[in-house]
Protein backbone atom coordinates (compact mmCIF):
# COMPACT_ATOMS: atom_id res chain seq x y z
CA MET A 1 84.04 99.85 131.02
CA LYS A 2 86.26 102.89 131.07
CA PHE A 3 89.40 102.81 128.93
CA ASP A 4 92.39 104.90 129.96
CA HIS A 5 93.75 106.11 126.62
CA LYS A 6 97.07 107.19 128.12
CA LYS A 7 97.79 103.66 129.36
CA GLY A 8 96.79 102.26 125.97
CA PHE A 9 99.14 104.61 124.18
CA ILE A 10 102.02 103.84 126.55
CA GLY A 11 101.31 100.13 126.13
CA SER A 12 101.47 100.43 122.36
CA LEU A 13 104.81 102.25 122.60
CA VAL A 14 106.18 99.49 124.85
CA ALA A 15 104.96 96.87 122.38
CA LEU A 16 106.64 98.78 119.56
CA MET A 17 109.93 98.86 121.48
CA ILE A 18 109.70 95.12 122.13
CA GLY A 19 108.80 94.45 118.51
CA THR A 20 111.82 96.32 117.16
CA SER A 21 114.22 95.05 119.81
CA CYS A 22 115.52 92.35 117.46
CA CYS A 23 117.35 95.15 115.66
CA TRP A 24 118.75 97.24 118.51
CA LEU A 25 119.04 94.60 121.25
CA THR A 26 121.78 92.69 119.43
CA SER A 27 123.85 95.86 119.01
CA LEU A 28 123.34 96.65 122.70
CA ALA A 29 124.52 93.15 123.64
CA ILE A 30 127.70 93.54 121.59
CA TRP A 31 128.28 97.00 123.04
CA LEU A 32 127.92 95.60 126.56
CA GLY A 33 130.44 92.86 125.86
CA GLY A 34 128.34 90.24 124.14
CA ALA A 35 125.91 89.42 126.93
CA THR A 36 124.44 86.04 126.00
CA VAL A 37 121.18 86.68 127.84
CA LEU A 38 120.46 89.74 125.68
CA SER A 39 121.39 87.83 122.51
CA THR A 40 119.08 84.97 123.44
CA LEU A 41 116.26 87.41 124.18
CA ALA A 42 116.79 89.16 120.84
CA ILE A 43 116.63 85.86 118.97
CA ALA A 44 113.46 84.83 120.79
CA ILE A 45 111.75 88.16 120.07
CA GLU A 46 112.89 88.17 116.44
CA GLU A 47 110.76 85.11 115.71
CA SER A 48 107.56 86.95 116.62
CA ARG A 49 108.45 90.53 115.66
CA VAL A 50 105.93 90.85 112.82
CA MET A 51 103.09 89.94 115.15
CA ILE A 52 104.37 92.27 117.89
CA ILE A 53 104.80 95.20 115.48
CA THR A 54 101.30 94.59 114.08
CA VAL A 55 99.79 94.57 117.56
CA ALA A 56 101.75 97.69 118.50
CA GLY A 57 100.51 99.52 115.42
CA ALA A 58 96.91 98.47 116.05
CA LEU A 59 97.12 99.58 119.68
CA ALA A 60 98.63 102.92 118.67
CA ILE A 61 95.85 103.55 116.15
CA PHE A 62 93.17 102.45 118.62
CA SER A 63 94.50 104.67 121.41
CA PHE A 64 94.74 107.63 119.03
CA ILE A 65 91.10 107.14 117.98
CA ILE A 66 90.00 106.98 121.62
CA TYR A 67 92.05 110.09 122.42
CA TRP A 68 90.61 111.97 119.44
CA ARG A 69 87.01 111.09 120.35
CA ARG A 70 87.48 112.20 123.94
CA LYS A 71 89.15 115.41 122.84
CA LYS A 72 86.28 116.19 120.46
CA SER A 73 83.68 115.51 123.14
CA ARG A 74 85.33 117.95 125.57
CA VAL A 75 85.33 120.90 123.16
CA PRO A 76 81.97 122.72 123.28
CA ASN A 77 80.38 123.69 119.96
CA LYS A 78 80.38 127.44 119.35
């Protein structure tokens, strides 16, 4: 199975944005005029933010390790 490290890294960044959205999504909702849909989404995400941030961190570390291994394997020894 071939793993695309770029997609893994982008996925971890998306998970990180979702995980921290409880903080910035509420401010965005107030700035946009108090959109209730955004407030409801922020409350729903806030309940599972620790898990989402943990998964995002693990995915970021995993994708960095994969990237580093591939980078080392491409460089010829001199």
